[in-house]
Amino acid sequence: MKLMTSILIALIFSTLIYPTRLEAQSVFENDFFIQPYIGGPNMKKWAFDVNSFNYDNSSGSAHFGLITEYVVSSNFSVGIDAIFSPLSWRETISILDYDVDNNQNIKETNDYVFIENKLRVIIRAYYHFDIANPLWNVYFSGGLGPNIIFSHVKVNGELKDSDPNVSSSNYFPIMNPPFPLSGRVCFGTRYFFSDFLGINFEAGIGGPLFAFGFNARF
């Protein structure tokens, strides 16, 4: 009896440690995911705040992302990750202008808002690990894509043409590499509430260090 009990316990334990493909599978071939998320910190804003002094305030602490993903097999998938990283800062700039008619200097003060938003569109590949609980999905992912900067300047609330010399890259050029490419490498996990809805967590470099969101499966 003790021998049978020991064998049964060993079988149960081995089943948990070495699950079958059916027990381990959490994503399936031809699954399609849409995954909006929010993440942080915005390292570009942090670097700007640390290295810049001639501004009144800055904004843009989070990253906003949207992933679309197609599952090729139970272990591999491909997708597109669009990451929007806002950054803006305000400066009050005063200049002295000489008025010839009145023979005096006139101080002119203008309110400047510099907007430098970043958009990454990264083509990603995923490897999905086999785990015992089909409600969980754990993956490793990486990819490359274009790095696009949208620069604008507002003077007293009026949109002006952006001055290429006025950029956060003047303060920290390492955060704005000269080549127009970006990349991301990350680990992530999903928990499925149902066959169609779940939540996700991701940690990586290239974009947000940490990201949380929802996923819908079709």
N, C-alpha and C. Protein backbone atom coordinates (compact mmCIF):
# COMPACT_ATOMS: atom_id res chain seq x y z
N MET A 1 0.83 -1.21 0.00
CA MET A 1 0.00 0.00 0.00
C MET A 1 0.86 1.26 0.00
N LYS A 2 1.91 1.23 0.83
CA LYS A 2 2.81 2.38 0.88
C LYS A 2 3.52 2.57 -0.44
N LEU A 3 3.85 1.41 -1.08
CA LEU A 3 4.52 1.50 -2.37
C LEU A 3 3.60 2.12 -3.42
N MET A 4 2.34 1.72 -3.44
CA MET A 4 1.38 2.28 -4.39
C MET A 4 1.16 3.76 -4.16
N THR A 5 1.11 4.15 -2.86
CA THR A 5 0.94 5.56 -2.53
C THR A 5 2.13 6.38 -3.01
N SER A 6 3.32 5.84 -2.80
CA SER A 6 4.53 6.53 -3.23
C SER A 6 4.58 6.68 -4.74
N ILE A 7 4.18 5.61 -5.45
CA ILE A 7 4.15 5.67 -6.91
C ILE A 7 3.15 6.71 -7.40
N LEU A 8 1.97 6.76 -6.74
CA LEU A 8 0.95 7.73 -7.12
C LEU A 8 1.43 9.15 -6.91
N ILE A 9 2.06 9.39 -5.76
CA ILE A 9 2.59 10.73 -5.48
C ILE A 9 3.66 11.11 -6.51
N ALA A 10 4.52 10.15 -6.86
CA ALA A 10 5.57 10.42 -7.84
C ALA A 10 4.99 10.74 -9.20
N LEU A 11 3.91 10.03 -9.58
CA LEU A 11 3.26 10.29 -10.86
C LEU A 11 2.64 11.68 -10.91
N ILE A 12 1.97 12.05 -9.80
CA ILE A 12 1.37 13.38 -9.73
C ILE A 12 2.43 14.46 -9.80
N PHE A 13 3.52 14.26 -9.07
CA PHE A 13 4.61 15.25 -9.05
C PHE A 13 5.23 15.37 -10.43
N SER A 14 5.47 14.24 -11.10
CA SER A 14 6.08 14.29 -12.43
C SER A 14 5.15 14.95 -13.44
N THR A 15 3.85 14.78 -13.25
CA THR A 15 2.88 15.43 -14.13
C THR A 15 2.93 16.95 -14.00
N LEU A 16 3.12 17.43 -12.76
CA LEU A 16 3.22 18.87 -12.54
C LEU A 16 4.51 19.44 -13.08
N ILE A 17 5.60 18.69 -12.92
CA ILE A 17 6.90 19.20 -13.35
C ILE A 17 7.07 19.08 -14.86
N TYR A 18 6.59 17.99 -15.44
CA TYR A 18 6.74 17.75 -16.87
C TYR A 18 5.37 17.63 -17.52
N PRO A 19 4.67 18.74 -17.67
CA PRO A 19 3.31 18.68 -18.22
C PRO A 19 3.32 18.27 -19.68
N THR A 20 2.23 17.70 -20.12
CA THR A 20 2.09 17.36 -21.52
C THR A 20 1.84 18.63 -22.33
N ARG A 21 1.95 18.50 -23.64
CA ARG A 21 1.74 19.65 -24.51
C ARG A 21 0.34 20.23 -24.32
N LEU A 22 -0.67 19.38 -24.19
CA LEU A 22 -2.03 19.88 -24.05
C LEU A 22 -2.19 20.64 -22.74
N GLU A 23 -1.60 20.13 -21.66
CA GLU A 23 -1.73 20.80 -20.37
C GLU A 23 -0.96 22.10 -20.34
N ALA A 24 0.14 22.15 -21.09
CA ALA A 24 1.02 23.32 -21.01
C ALA A 24 0.57 24.44 -21.94
N GLN A 25 -0.18 24.13 -22.93
CA GLN A 25 -0.45 25.11 -23.98
C GLN A 25 -1.41 26.20 -23.49
N SER A 26 -1.02 27.47 -23.71
CA SER A 26 -1.87 28.59 -23.33
C SER A 26 -2.22 29.48 -24.51
N VAL A 27 -1.41 29.45 -25.56
CA VAL A 27 -1.74 30.14 -26.81
C VAL A 27 -1.77 29.10 -27.92
N PHE A 28 -2.56 29.38 -28.94
CA PHE A 28 -2.79 28.39 -29.98
C PHE A 28 -2.55 29.00 -31.35
N GLU A 29 -2.20 28.17 -32.29
CA GLU A 29 -1.97 28.59 -33.66
C GLU A 29 -3.17 29.37 -34.19
N ASN A 30 -2.87 30.50 -34.85
CA ASN A 30 -3.86 31.41 -35.45
C ASN A 30 -4.56 32.30 -34.43
N ASP A 31 -4.17 32.25 -33.15
CA ASP A 31 -4.66 33.25 -32.20
C ASP A 31 -4.20 34.63 -32.64
N PHE A 32 -5.05 35.63 -32.42
CA PHE A 32 -4.70 37.03 -32.73
C PHE A 32 -4.97 37.87 -31.49
N PHE A 33 -3.95 38.64 -31.05
CA PHE A 33 -4.06 39.45 -29.84
C PHE A 33 -4.04 40.93 -30.18
N ILE A 34 -4.84 41.69 -29.45
CA ILE A 34 -4.74 43.15 -29.41
C ILE A 34 -4.49 43.51 -27.95
N GLN A 35 -3.41 44.27 -27.70
CA GLN A 35 -2.96 44.48 -26.33
C GLN A 35 -2.59 45.95 -26.09
N PRO A 36 -3.51 46.77 -25.60
CA PRO A 36 -3.15 48.14 -25.20
C PRO A 36 -2.50 48.12 -23.82
N TYR A 37 -1.56 49.06 -23.61
CA TYR A 37 -0.86 49.07 -22.32
C TYR A 37 -0.34 50.47 -22.01
N ILE A 38 0.04 50.64 -20.77
CA ILE A 38 0.70 51.87 -20.31
C ILE A 38 1.92 51.46 -19.50
N GLY A 39 3.01 52.21 -19.64
CA GLY A 39 4.24 51.83 -18.96
C GLY A 39 5.08 53.02 -18.56
N GLY A 40 6.13 52.73 -17.85
CA GLY A 40 7.03 53.77 -17.39
C GLY A 40 8.29 53.16 -16.80
N PRO A 41 9.24 53.96 -16.37
CA PRO A 41 9.22 55.43 -16.50
C PRO A 41 9.64 55.87 -17.89
N ASN A 42 9.36 57.13 -18.20
CA ASN A 42 9.81 57.73 -19.44
C ASN A 42 11.24 58.23 -19.21
N MET A 43 12.21 57.42 -19.63
CA MET A 43 13.61 57.74 -19.35
C MET A 43 14.05 59.03 -20.05
N LYS A 44 13.43 59.33 -21.17
CA LYS A 44 13.79 60.57 -21.88
C LYS A 44 13.40 61.79 -21.05
N LYS A 45 12.22 61.75 -20.45
CA LYS A 45 11.82 62.85 -19.58
C LYS A 45 12.72 62.94 -18.37
N TRP A 46 13.06 61.78 -17.79
CA TRP A 46 13.94 61.78 -16.62
C TRP A 46 15.30 62.39 -16.97
N ALA A 47 15.88 61.98 -18.11
CA ALA A 47 17.17 62.52 -18.52
C ALA A 47 17.09 64.00 -18.80
N PHE A 48 15.98 64.44 -19.39
CA PHE A 48 15.79 65.86 -19.66
C PHE A 48 15.73 66.65 -18.36
N ASP A 49 14.97 66.15 -17.38
CA ASP A 49 14.83 66.86 -16.10
C ASP A 49 16.17 66.95 -15.36
N VAL A 50 16.95 65.89 -15.45
CA VAL A 50 18.24 65.86 -14.75
C VAL A 50 19.25 66.81 -15.38
N ASN A 51 19.21 66.91 -16.70
CA ASN A 51 20.26 67.64 -17.41
C ASN A 51 19.86 69.03 -17.87
N SER A 52 18.63 69.43 -17.64
CA SER A 52 18.16 70.73 -18.13
C SER A 52 17.77 71.63 -16.96
N PHE A 53 18.02 72.92 -17.13
CA PHE A 53 17.76 73.86 -16.04
C PHE A 53 16.95 75.08 -16.49
N ASN A 54 16.96 75.37 -17.77
CA ASN A 54 16.32 76.61 -18.25
C ASN A 54 14.89 76.36 -18.73
N TYR A 55 14.09 75.75 -17.88
CA TYR A 55 12.70 75.53 -18.25
C TYR A 55 11.84 75.63 -17.00
N ASP A 56 10.55 75.86 -17.20
CA ASP A 56 9.63 76.03 -16.07
C ASP A 56 9.09 74.69 -15.58
N ASN A 57 8.67 73.83 -16.49
CA ASN A 57 8.19 72.51 -16.12
C ASN A 57 8.19 71.62 -17.36
N SER A 58 8.13 70.31 -17.13
CA SER A 58 8.07 69.34 -18.22
C SER A 58 6.96 68.34 -17.93
N SER A 59 6.51 67.65 -18.97
CA SER A 59 5.47 66.65 -18.81
C SER A 59 5.72 65.50 -19.76
N GLY A 60 5.11 64.36 -19.45
CA GLY A 60 5.26 63.18 -20.28
C GLY A 60 5.92 62.04 -19.54
N SER A 61 5.30 61.57 -18.45
CA SER A 61 5.94 60.59 -17.59
C SER A 61 5.75 59.14 -18.06
N ALA A 62 4.76 58.87 -18.88
CA ALA A 62 4.40 57.49 -19.21
C ALA A 62 4.62 57.20 -20.70
N HIS A 63 4.65 55.91 -21.02
CA HIS A 63 4.60 55.43 -22.39
C HIS A 63 3.21 54.84 -22.63
N PHE A 64 2.70 55.01 -23.84
CA PHE A 64 1.41 54.43 -24.22
C PHE A 64 1.64 53.53 -25.42
N GLY A 65 1.17 52.29 -25.32
CA GLY A 65 1.48 51.33 -26.36
C GLY A 65 0.28 50.53 -26.83
N LEU A 66 0.43 49.95 -28.02
CA LEU A 66 -0.57 49.05 -28.57
C LEU A 66 0.15 47.96 -29.35
N ILE A 67 -0.11 46.71 -28.96
CA ILE A 67 0.50 45.55 -29.60
C ILE A 67 -0.56 44.78 -30.38
N THR A 68 -0.23 44.40 -31.59
CA THR A 68 -1.01 43.40 -32.33
C THR A 68 -0.09 42.22 -32.57
N GLU A 69 -0.62 41.01 -32.35
CA GLU A 69 0.24 39.82 -32.39
C GLU A 69 -0.52 38.65 -33.02
N TYR A 70 0.17 37.93 -33.89
CA TYR A 70 -0.41 36.75 -34.54
C TYR A 70 0.42 35.52 -34.16
N VAL A 71 -0.25 34.49 -33.66
CA VAL A 71 0.43 33.28 -33.19
C VAL A 71 0.60 32.32 -34.37
N VAL A 72 1.87 32.05 -34.70
CA VAL A 72 2.19 31.15 -35.81
C VAL A 72 2.11 29.70 -35.35
N SER A 73 2.60 29.43 -34.14
CA SER A 73 2.50 28.11 -33.53
C SER A 73 2.35 28.30 -32.03
N SER A 74 2.25 27.20 -31.28
CA SER A 74 2.06 27.33 -29.84
C SER A 74 3.26 27.96 -29.15
N ASN A 75 4.42 27.99 -29.82
CA ASN A 75 5.62 28.58 -29.22
C ASN A 75 6.10 29.85 -29.89
N PHE A 76 5.63 30.16 -31.08
CA PHE A 76 6.16 31.30 -31.80
C PHE A 76 5.03 32.19 -32.32
N SER A 77 5.30 33.50 -32.30
CA SER A 77 4.36 34.46 -32.84
C SER A 77 5.12 35.69 -33.32
N VAL A 78 4.44 36.52 -34.11
CA VAL A 78 5.02 37.76 -34.60
C VAL A 78 4.00 38.87 -34.37
N GLY A 79 4.50 40.10 -34.27
CA GLY A 79 3.58 41.20 -34.03
C GLY A 79 4.21 42.55 -34.26
N ILE A 80 3.40 43.58 -34.08
CA ILE A 80 3.83 44.98 -34.20
C ILE A 80 3.52 45.69 -32.89
N ASP A 81 4.50 46.41 -32.37
CA ASP A 81 4.38 47.14 -31.12
C ASP A 81 4.57 48.63 -31.40
N ALA A 82 3.52 49.42 -31.24
CA ALA A 82 3.59 50.87 -31.42
C ALA A 82 3.67 51.52 -30.05
N ILE A 83 4.76 52.25 -29.79
CA ILE A 83 4.99 52.87 -28.48
C ILE A 83 5.07 54.38 -28.64
N PHE A 84 4.16 55.09 -28.00
CA PHE A 84 4.14 56.55 -28.05
C PHE A 84 4.68 57.10 -26.74
N SER A 85 5.72 57.94 -26.83
CA SER A 85 6.39 58.49 -25.65
C SER A 85 6.34 60.02 -25.72
N PRO A 86 5.42 60.66 -25.00
CA PRO A 86 5.31 62.12 -25.07
C PRO A 86 6.37 62.82 -24.23
N LEU A 87 6.77 63.99 -24.69
CA LEU A 87 7.66 64.85 -23.92
C LEU A 87 7.41 66.30 -24.34
N SER A 88 7.19 67.17 -23.38
CA SER A 88 7.07 68.60 -23.66
C SER A 88 7.61 69.37 -22.48
N TRP A 89 8.09 70.56 -22.74
CA TRP A 89 8.55 71.43 -21.66
C TRP A 89 8.25 72.89 -22.00
N ARG A 90 8.11 73.69 -20.97
CA ARG A 90 7.72 75.09 -21.10
C ARG A 90 8.87 75.99 -20.66
N GLU A 91 9.09 77.04 -21.42
CA GLU A 91 10.10 78.04 -21.07
C GLU A 91 9.51 79.43 -21.25
N THR A 92 9.78 80.30 -20.31
CA THR A 92 9.43 81.72 -20.43
C THR A 92 10.70 82.48 -20.82
N ILE A 93 10.69 83.05 -22.01
CA ILE A 93 11.89 83.69 -22.55
C ILE A 93 11.63 85.19 -22.72
N SER A 94 12.52 85.98 -22.14
CA SER A 94 12.41 87.45 -22.22
C SER A 94 13.57 88.01 -23.04
N ILE A 95 13.26 88.97 -23.90
CA ILE A 95 14.28 89.62 -24.70
C ILE A 95 14.08 91.13 -24.61
N LEU A 96 15.19 91.87 -24.76
CA LEU A 96 15.13 93.32 -24.79
C LEU A 96 15.19 93.81 -26.23
N ASP A 97 14.24 94.62 -26.62
CA ASP A 97 14.18 95.17 -27.98
C ASP A 97 14.25 96.70 -27.88
N TYR A 98 15.15 97.30 -28.64
CA TYR A 98 15.34 98.75 -28.57
C TYR A 98 14.30 99.45 -29.44
N ASP A 99 13.55 100.35 -28.82
CA ASP A 99 12.53 101.14 -29.51
C ASP A 99 13.18 102.46 -29.93
N VAL A 100 13.42 102.61 -31.24
CA VAL A 100 14.10 103.81 -31.75
C VAL A 100 13.26 105.05 -31.53
N ASP A 101 11.96 104.96 -31.72
CA ASP A 101 11.09 106.14 -31.61
C ASP A 101 11.08 106.69 -30.19
N ASN A 102 11.03 105.83 -29.20
CA ASN A 102 10.98 106.29 -27.81
C ASN A 102 12.34 106.29 -27.13
N ASN A 103 13.37 105.83 -27.88
CA ASN A 103 14.72 105.82 -27.34
C ASN A 103 14.80 105.08 -26.00
N GLN A 104 14.24 103.86 -26.00
CA GLN A 104 14.30 103.05 -24.78
C GLN A 104 14.21 101.56 -25.13
N ASN A 105 14.67 100.77 -24.17
CA ASN A 105 14.59 99.31 -24.33
C ASN A 105 13.22 98.82 -23.86
N ILE A 106 12.64 97.95 -24.63
CA ILE A 106 11.35 97.36 -24.29
C ILE A 106 11.55 95.87 -24.06
N LYS A 107 11.10 95.42 -22.91
CA LYS A 107 11.23 94.00 -22.57
C LYS A 107 10.03 93.23 -23.11
N GLU A 108 10.30 92.22 -23.89
CA GLU A 108 9.26 91.37 -24.45
C GLU A 108 9.38 89.97 -23.87
N THR A 109 8.30 89.47 -23.29
CA THR A 109 8.30 88.14 -22.68
C THR A 109 7.34 87.24 -23.44
N ASN A 110 7.85 86.07 -23.82
CA ASN A 110 7.05 85.11 -24.58
C ASN A 110 7.05 83.76 -23.87
N ASP A 111 5.93 83.08 -24.03
CA ASP A 111 5.77 81.75 -23.44
C ASP A 111 5.99 80.70 -24.53
N TYR A 112 7.01 79.87 -24.36
CA TYR A 112 7.35 78.84 -25.33
C TYR A 112 6.99 77.46 -24.76
N VAL A 113 6.38 76.63 -25.60
CA VAL A 113 6.15 75.22 -25.27
C VAL A 113 6.79 74.39 -26.36
N PHE A 114 7.78 73.57 -25.97
CA PHE A 114 8.49 72.70 -26.91
C PHE A 114 7.93 71.29 -26.77
N ILE A 115 7.52 70.73 -27.89
CA ILE A 115 6.91 69.39 -27.90
C ILE A 115 7.81 68.48 -28.73
N GLU A 116 8.19 67.38 -28.12
CA GLU A 116 9.09 66.45 -28.81
C GLU A 116 8.62 65.02 -28.51
N ASN A 117 7.58 64.59 -29.21
CA ASN A 117 7.00 63.27 -28.98
C ASN A 117 7.72 62.22 -29.83
N LYS A 118 7.83 61.02 -29.26
CA LYS A 118 8.52 59.93 -29.95
C LYS A 118 7.54 58.80 -30.23
N LEU A 119 7.64 58.22 -31.42
CA LEU A 119 6.85 57.05 -31.80
C LEU A 119 7.79 55.96 -32.29
N ARG A 120 7.73 54.82 -31.63
CA ARG A 120 8.46 53.63 -32.10
C ARG A 120 7.43 52.66 -32.69
N VAL A 121 7.74 52.09 -33.85
CA VAL A 121 6.91 51.05 -34.45
C VAL A 121 7.81 49.84 -34.64
N ILE A 122 7.72 48.90 -33.71
CA ILE A 122 8.68 47.81 -33.63
C ILE A 122 8.03 46.50 -34.11
N ILE A 123 8.69 45.84 -35.05
CA ILE A 123 8.27 44.51 -35.48
C ILE A 123 8.92 43.50 -34.54
N ARG A 124 8.08 42.72 -33.83
CA ARG A 124 8.58 41.85 -32.78
C ARG A 124 8.32 40.38 -33.09
N ALA A 125 9.24 39.52 -32.61
CA ALA A 125 9.07 38.08 -32.62
C ALA A 125 8.97 37.60 -31.18
N TYR A 126 8.17 36.57 -30.94
CA TYR A 126 7.90 36.06 -29.60
C TYR A 126 8.23 34.57 -29.52
N TYR A 127 8.80 34.18 -28.38
CA TYR A 127 8.90 32.76 -28.04
C TYR A 127 8.06 32.52 -26.78
N HIS A 128 7.10 31.61 -26.84
CA HIS A 128 6.21 31.32 -25.73
C HIS A 128 6.68 30.04 -25.03
N PHE A 129 6.90 30.16 -23.72
CA PHE A 129 7.37 29.02 -22.94
C PHE A 129 6.21 28.10 -22.57
N ASP A 130 6.49 26.80 -22.47
CA ASP A 130 5.52 25.84 -22.00
C ASP A 130 5.49 25.86 -20.47
N ILE A 131 4.32 26.12 -19.89
CA ILE A 131 4.14 26.09 -18.45
C ILE A 131 2.92 25.24 -18.12
N ALA A 132 2.82 24.83 -16.83
CA ALA A 132 1.80 23.87 -16.44
C ALA A 132 0.39 24.44 -16.47
N ASN A 133 0.25 25.72 -16.14
CA ASN A 133 -1.09 26.32 -16.02
C ASN A 133 -1.49 26.98 -17.33
N PRO A 134 -2.53 26.51 -18.02
CA PRO A 134 -2.92 27.09 -19.30
C PRO A 134 -3.51 28.49 -19.19
N LEU A 135 -3.79 28.96 -17.96
CA LEU A 135 -4.28 30.32 -17.78
C LEU A 135 -3.15 31.35 -17.88
N TRP A 136 -1.89 30.89 -17.79
CA TRP A 136 -0.75 31.78 -17.84
C TRP A 136 -0.01 31.61 -19.15
N ASN A 137 0.49 32.71 -19.69
CA ASN A 137 1.36 32.71 -20.85
C ASN A 137 2.61 33.50 -20.50
N VAL A 138 3.78 32.89 -20.68
CA VAL A 138 5.06 33.54 -20.41
C VAL A 138 5.86 33.54 -21.69
N TYR A 139 6.45 34.69 -22.05
CA TYR A 139 7.12 34.79 -23.33
C TYR A 139 8.37 35.66 -23.23
N PHE A 140 9.25 35.47 -24.21
CA PHE A 140 10.40 36.32 -24.44
C PHE A 140 10.24 36.93 -25.82
N SER A 141 10.55 38.22 -25.95
CA SER A 141 10.30 38.90 -27.22
C SER A 141 11.39 39.92 -27.52
N GLY A 142 11.61 40.15 -28.80
CA GLY A 142 12.54 41.19 -29.23
C GLY A 142 12.23 41.63 -30.64
N GLY A 143 12.69 42.84 -31.00
CA GLY A 143 12.43 43.32 -32.34
C GLY A 143 13.05 44.67 -32.61
N LEU A 144 12.91 45.14 -33.86
CA LEU A 144 13.45 46.42 -34.32
C LEU A 144 12.39 47.17 -35.12
N GLY A 145 12.56 48.48 -35.20
CA GLY A 145 11.65 49.29 -35.99
C GLY A 145 12.09 50.73 -36.03
N PRO A 146 11.38 51.57 -36.78
CA PRO A 146 11.75 52.98 -36.91
C PRO A 146 11.51 53.76 -35.63
N ASN A 147 12.33 54.77 -35.44
CA ASN A 147 12.25 55.68 -34.30
C ASN A 147 11.91 57.06 -34.85
N ILE A 148 10.69 57.54 -34.62
CA ILE A 148 10.19 58.76 -35.25
C ILE A 148 9.97 59.84 -34.19
N ILE A 149 10.51 61.04 -34.42
CA ILE A 149 10.36 62.16 -33.51
C ILE A 149 9.45 63.21 -34.15
N PHE A 150 8.43 63.63 -33.41
CA PHE A 150 7.53 64.70 -33.86
C PHE A 150 7.83 65.94 -33.02
N SER A 151 8.44 66.95 -33.63
CA SER A 151 8.85 68.16 -32.91
C SER A 151 7.98 69.35 -33.32
N HIS A 152 7.50 70.08 -32.31
CA HIS A 152 6.70 71.29 -32.55
C HIS A 152 7.07 72.33 -31.50
N VAL A 153 6.82 73.59 -31.85
CA VAL A 153 7.03 74.69 -30.92
C VAL A 153 5.79 75.57 -30.92
N LYS A 154 5.31 75.92 -29.73
CA LYS A 154 4.20 76.86 -29.59
C LYS A 154 4.73 78.12 -28.90
N VAL A 155 4.45 79.27 -29.50
CA VAL A 155 4.85 80.55 -28.93
C VAL A 155 3.58 81.31 -28.57
N ASN A 156 3.39 81.52 -27.28
CA ASN A 156 2.17 82.17 -26.77
C ASN A 156 0.91 81.46 -27.28
N GLY A 157 0.99 80.13 -27.31
CA GLY A 157 -0.15 79.32 -27.70
C GLY A 157 -0.31 79.11 -29.19
N GLU A 158 0.54 79.76 -30.01
CA GLU A 158 0.42 79.64 -31.46
C GLU A 158 1.49 78.69 -31.99
N LEU A 159 1.07 77.71 -32.78
CA LEU A 159 1.98 76.70 -33.30
C LEU A 159 2.92 77.32 -34.33
N LYS A 160 4.22 77.08 -34.15
CA LYS A 160 5.24 77.60 -35.07
C LYS A 160 6.00 76.44 -35.69
N ASP A 161 6.73 76.76 -36.75
CA ASP A 161 7.62 75.75 -37.33
C ASP A 161 8.70 75.42 -36.32
N SER A 162 9.00 74.11 -36.21
CA SER A 162 9.97 73.68 -35.22
C SER A 162 11.38 74.06 -35.66
N ASP A 163 12.15 74.60 -34.74
CA ASP A 163 13.55 74.93 -34.98
C ASP A 163 14.38 73.67 -34.76
N PRO A 164 15.09 73.19 -35.78
CA PRO A 164 15.86 71.95 -35.60
C PRO A 164 16.95 72.07 -34.54
N ASN A 165 17.35 73.32 -34.22
CA ASN A 165 18.36 73.51 -33.19
C ASN A 165 17.79 73.46 -31.78
N VAL A 166 16.46 73.53 -31.68
CA VAL A 166 15.81 73.48 -30.37
C VAL A 166 15.28 72.07 -30.18
N SER A 167 16.03 71.27 -29.49
CA SER A 167 15.69 69.86 -29.31
C SER A 167 16.27 69.38 -28.00
N SER A 168 15.64 68.39 -27.41
CA SER A 168 16.18 67.84 -26.17
C SER A 168 17.52 67.16 -26.41
N SER A 169 17.84 66.84 -27.67
CA SER A 169 19.12 66.21 -27.95
C SER A 169 20.28 67.15 -27.65
N ASN A 170 19.99 68.47 -27.59
CA ASN A 170 21.03 69.41 -27.18
C ASN A 170 21.43 69.19 -25.73
N TYR A 171 20.50 68.68 -24.92
CA TYR A 171 20.76 68.46 -23.51
C TYR A 171 21.34 67.08 -23.25
N PHE A 172 20.87 66.07 -23.96
CA PHE A 172 21.36 64.70 -23.75
C PHE A 172 21.31 63.94 -25.07
N PRO A 173 22.30 64.12 -25.93
CA PRO A 173 22.27 63.50 -27.26
C PRO A 173 22.21 61.98 -27.23
N ILE A 174 22.67 61.36 -26.15
CA ILE A 174 22.65 59.89 -26.09
C ILE A 174 21.23 59.36 -26.11
N MET A 175 20.24 60.18 -25.68
CA MET A 175 18.85 59.74 -25.66
C MET A 175 18.19 59.89 -27.02
N ASN A 176 18.85 60.60 -27.94
CA ASN A 176 18.35 60.75 -29.31
C ASN A 176 19.43 60.27 -30.27
N PRO A 177 19.56 58.96 -30.48
CA PRO A 177 20.63 58.46 -31.34
C PRO A 177 20.48 58.98 -32.75
N PRO A 178 21.59 59.15 -33.46
CA PRO A 178 21.53 59.73 -34.81
C PRO A 178 20.89 58.79 -35.83
N PHE A 179 20.82 57.49 -35.55
CA PHE A 179 20.20 56.57 -36.51
C PHE A 179 18.72 56.42 -36.17
N PRO A 180 17.89 56.33 -37.20
CA PRO A 180 16.42 56.36 -36.98
C PRO A 180 15.84 54.98 -36.67
N LEU A 181 16.51 54.19 -35.82
CA LEU A 181 16.01 52.87 -35.48
C LEU A 181 15.86 52.74 -33.96
N SER A 182 14.94 51.91 -33.55
CA SER A 182 14.76 51.61 -32.14
C SER A 182 14.55 50.10 -32.00
N GLY A 183 14.75 49.60 -30.81
CA GLY A 183 14.58 48.18 -30.57
C GLY A 183 13.99 47.93 -29.20
N ARG A 184 13.52 46.72 -29.00
CA ARG A 184 12.99 46.32 -27.70
C ARG A 184 13.30 44.86 -27.45
N VAL A 185 13.74 44.55 -26.22
CA VAL A 185 13.94 43.18 -25.74
C VAL A 185 13.24 43.08 -24.40
N CYS A 186 12.41 42.04 -24.21
CA CYS A 186 11.61 42.00 -22.99
C CYS A 186 11.15 40.58 -22.65
N PHE A 187 10.79 40.41 -21.39
CA PHE A 187 10.04 39.25 -20.91
C PHE A 187 8.63 39.72 -20.57
N GLY A 188 7.64 38.86 -20.81
CA GLY A 188 6.27 39.23 -20.49
C GLY A 188 5.46 38.04 -20.03
N THR A 189 4.32 38.34 -19.42
CA THR A 189 3.40 37.30 -19.00
C THR A 189 1.98 37.79 -19.16
N ARG A 190 1.08 36.86 -19.44
CA ARG A 190 -0.34 37.15 -19.54
C ARG A 190 -1.10 36.20 -18.62
N TYR A 191 -2.17 36.72 -18.05
CA TYR A 191 -3.10 35.87 -17.31
C TYR A 191 -4.47 36.01 -17.95
N PHE A 192 -5.07 34.88 -18.31
CA PHE A 192 -6.34 34.89 -19.03
C PHE A 192 -7.50 34.70 -18.06
N PHE A 193 -8.41 35.69 -18.04
CA PHE A 193 -9.66 35.55 -17.28
C PHE A 193 -10.63 34.61 -17.99
N SER A 194 -10.55 34.60 -19.30
CA SER A 194 -11.43 33.77 -20.12
C SER A 194 -10.68 33.43 -21.39
N ASP A 195 -11.36 32.79 -22.33
CA ASP A 195 -10.73 32.48 -23.61
C ASP A 195 -10.43 33.73 -24.42
N PHE A 196 -11.01 34.86 -24.05
CA PHE A 196 -10.92 36.05 -24.89
C PHE A 196 -10.28 37.26 -24.22
N LEU A 197 -10.25 37.31 -22.88
CA LEU A 197 -9.76 38.50 -22.18
C LEU A 197 -8.73 38.13 -21.13
N GLY A 198 -7.78 39.07 -20.91
CA GLY A 198 -6.77 38.86 -19.89
C GLY A 198 -6.03 40.14 -19.59
N ILE A 199 -5.05 40.03 -18.70
CA ILE A 199 -4.17 41.14 -18.36
C ILE A 199 -2.74 40.72 -18.64
N ASN A 200 -1.85 41.72 -18.74
CA ASN A 200 -0.46 41.38 -19.04
C ASN A 200 0.50 42.28 -18.27
N PHE A 201 1.70 41.77 -18.08
CA PHE A 201 2.80 42.54 -17.48
C PHE A 201 4.04 42.25 -18.32
N GLU A 202 4.84 43.31 -18.54
CA GLU A 202 6.04 43.16 -19.37
C GLU A 202 7.16 43.99 -18.77
N ALA A 203 8.39 43.46 -18.81
CA ALA A 203 9.58 44.17 -18.35
C ALA A 203 10.65 44.04 -19.41
N GLY A 204 11.27 45.18 -19.78
CA GLY A 204 12.28 45.11 -20.82
C GLY A 204 13.00 46.43 -21.01
N ILE A 205 13.79 46.50 -22.06
CA ILE A 205 14.52 47.72 -22.41
C ILE A 205 14.15 48.09 -23.85
N GLY A 206 14.21 49.39 -24.13
CA GLY A 206 13.75 49.90 -25.42
C GLY A 206 12.26 50.18 -25.31
N GLY A 207 11.88 51.35 -24.81
CA GLY A 207 10.49 51.60 -24.43
C GLY A 207 10.38 51.57 -22.92
N PRO A 208 9.21 51.27 -22.38
CA PRO A 208 9.05 51.28 -20.92
C PRO A 208 9.79 50.11 -20.25
N LEU A 209 10.38 50.41 -19.08
CA LEU A 209 11.00 49.33 -18.31
C LEU A 209 9.94 48.35 -17.82
N PHE A 210 8.78 48.90 -17.42
CA PHE A 210 7.67 48.08 -16.93
C PHE A 210 6.39 48.55 -17.62
N ALA A 211 5.55 47.59 -18.00
CA ALA A 211 4.30 47.92 -18.68
C ALA A 211 3.19 47.00 -18.21
N PHE A 212 1.99 47.58 -18.06
CA PHE A 212 0.80 46.83 -17.66
C PHE A 212 -0.31 47.12 -18.67
N GLY A 213 -1.14 46.12 -18.92
CA GLY A 213 -2.23 46.35 -19.86
C GLY A 213 -3.22 45.21 -19.89
N PHE A 214 -4.07 45.27 -20.88
CA PHE A 214 -5.09 44.25 -21.12
C PHE A 214 -4.86 43.61 -22.47
N ASN A 215 -5.34 42.40 -22.63
CA ASN A 215 -5.24 41.78 -23.93
C ASN A 215 -6.56 41.12 -24.31
N ALA A 216 -6.90 41.24 -25.58
CA ALA A 216 -8.09 40.60 -26.13
C ALA A 216 -7.63 39.61 -27.19
N ARG A 217 -8.16 38.39 -27.09
CA ARG A 217 -7.77 37.31 -28.02
C ARG A 217 -8.94 36.99 -28.96
N PHE A 218 -8.60 36.83 -30.23
CA PHE A 218 -9.62 36.53 -31.24
C PHE A 218 -9.25 35.24 -31.96
